[in-house]
């Protein structure tokens, strides 16, 4: 059985070497594409912008101002 927080977005605080869960959930939303990123698959984010990204390519485009 799924827990109540299992299908809702988490609120995270992004740091340079990791993130802290502020509000439980199982995914975040990519800031550039709007796609869901499951927490266990989350590898790319900006601590400065406090944004999550679905892939390295999307993160690079976003940080270069192309997304």
Protein backbone atom coordinates (compact mmCIF):
# COMPACT_ATOMS: atom_id res chain seq x y z
CA UNK A 1 0.00 0.00 0.00
CA UNK A 2 1.24 3.48 -0.86
CA UNK A 3 1.77 6.04 1.86
CA UNK A 4 -0.02 9.40 1.56
CA UNK A 5 3.21 11.16 0.53
CA UNK A 6 4.16 8.53 -2.05
CA UNK A 7 2.69 10.30 -5.07
CA UNK A 8 3.23 13.93 -4.33
CA UNK A 9 6.12 16.28 -4.99
CA UNK A 10 8.72 16.71 -2.29
CA UNK A 11 10.04 20.09 -1.23
CA UNK A 12 13.83 20.04 -1.13
CA UNK A 13 16.61 22.38 -0.07
CA UNK A 14 19.44 21.94 -2.56
CA UNK A 15 23.05 22.18 -1.43
CA UNK A 16 26.29 21.82 -3.40
CA UNK A 17 26.77 18.18 -2.47
CA UNK A 18 23.24 16.98 -1.76
CA UNK A 19 19.77 18.01 -0.74
CA UNK A 20 17.62 18.04 2.37
CA UNK A 21 13.97 16.99 2.32
CA UNK A 22 11.81 19.78 3.76
CA UNK A 23 8.47 18.23 2.86
CA UNK A 24 8.11 14.51 2.06
CA UNK A 25 7.19 13.23 -1.37
CA UNK A 26 8.53 10.85 -3.98
CA UNK A 27 9.47 13.24 -6.79
CA UNK A 28 10.30 16.80 -7.78
CA UNK A 29 9.46 18.69 -10.95
CA UNK A 30 12.20 19.61 -13.42
CA UNK A 31 12.45 23.41 -13.55
CA UNK A 32 13.16 23.41 -17.29
CA UNK A 33 10.87 20.72 -18.70
CA UNK A 34 8.14 20.20 -16.11
CA UNK A 35 8.87 16.45 -16.04
CA UNK A 36 8.69 14.42 -12.85
CA UNK A 37 12.04 13.34 -11.42
CA UNK A 38 11.82 10.55 -8.86
CA UNK A 39 13.96 11.33 -5.81
CA UNK A 40 15.99 8.15 -6.19
CA UNK A 41 16.88 9.25 -9.75
CA UNK A 42 17.60 12.91 -8.93
CA UNK A 43 21.21 13.70 -9.87
CA UNK A 44 21.13 17.25 -11.26
CA UNK A 45 20.17 20.50 -9.53
CA UNK A 46 21.29 24.05 -8.91
CA UNK A 47 21.89 25.02 -5.29
CA UNK A 48 22.11 28.66 -6.36
CA UNK A 49 18.75 28.63 -8.17
CA UNK A 50 17.17 25.95 -5.94
CA UNK A 51 15.99 24.05 -9.02
CA UNK A 52 15.97 20.37 -10.00
CA UNK A 53 16.67 19.06 -13.51
CA UNK A 54 15.80 15.81 -15.26
CA UNK A 55 19.21 15.32 -16.94
CA UNK A 56 22.70 16.77 -17.33
CA UNK A 57 21.79 18.07 -20.80
CA UNK A 58 18.73 19.91 -19.50
CA UNK A 59 20.70 21.31 -16.54
CA UNK A 60 23.43 22.62 -18.86
CA UNK A 61 20.92 24.25 -21.22
CA UNK A 62 19.11 25.85 -18.27
CA UNK A 63 22.30 27.19 -16.71
CA UNK A 64 23.41 28.59 -20.10
CA UNK A 65 20.05 30.34 -20.45
CA UNK A 66 18.85 28.17 -23.32
CA UNK A 67 15.93 26.50 -21.54
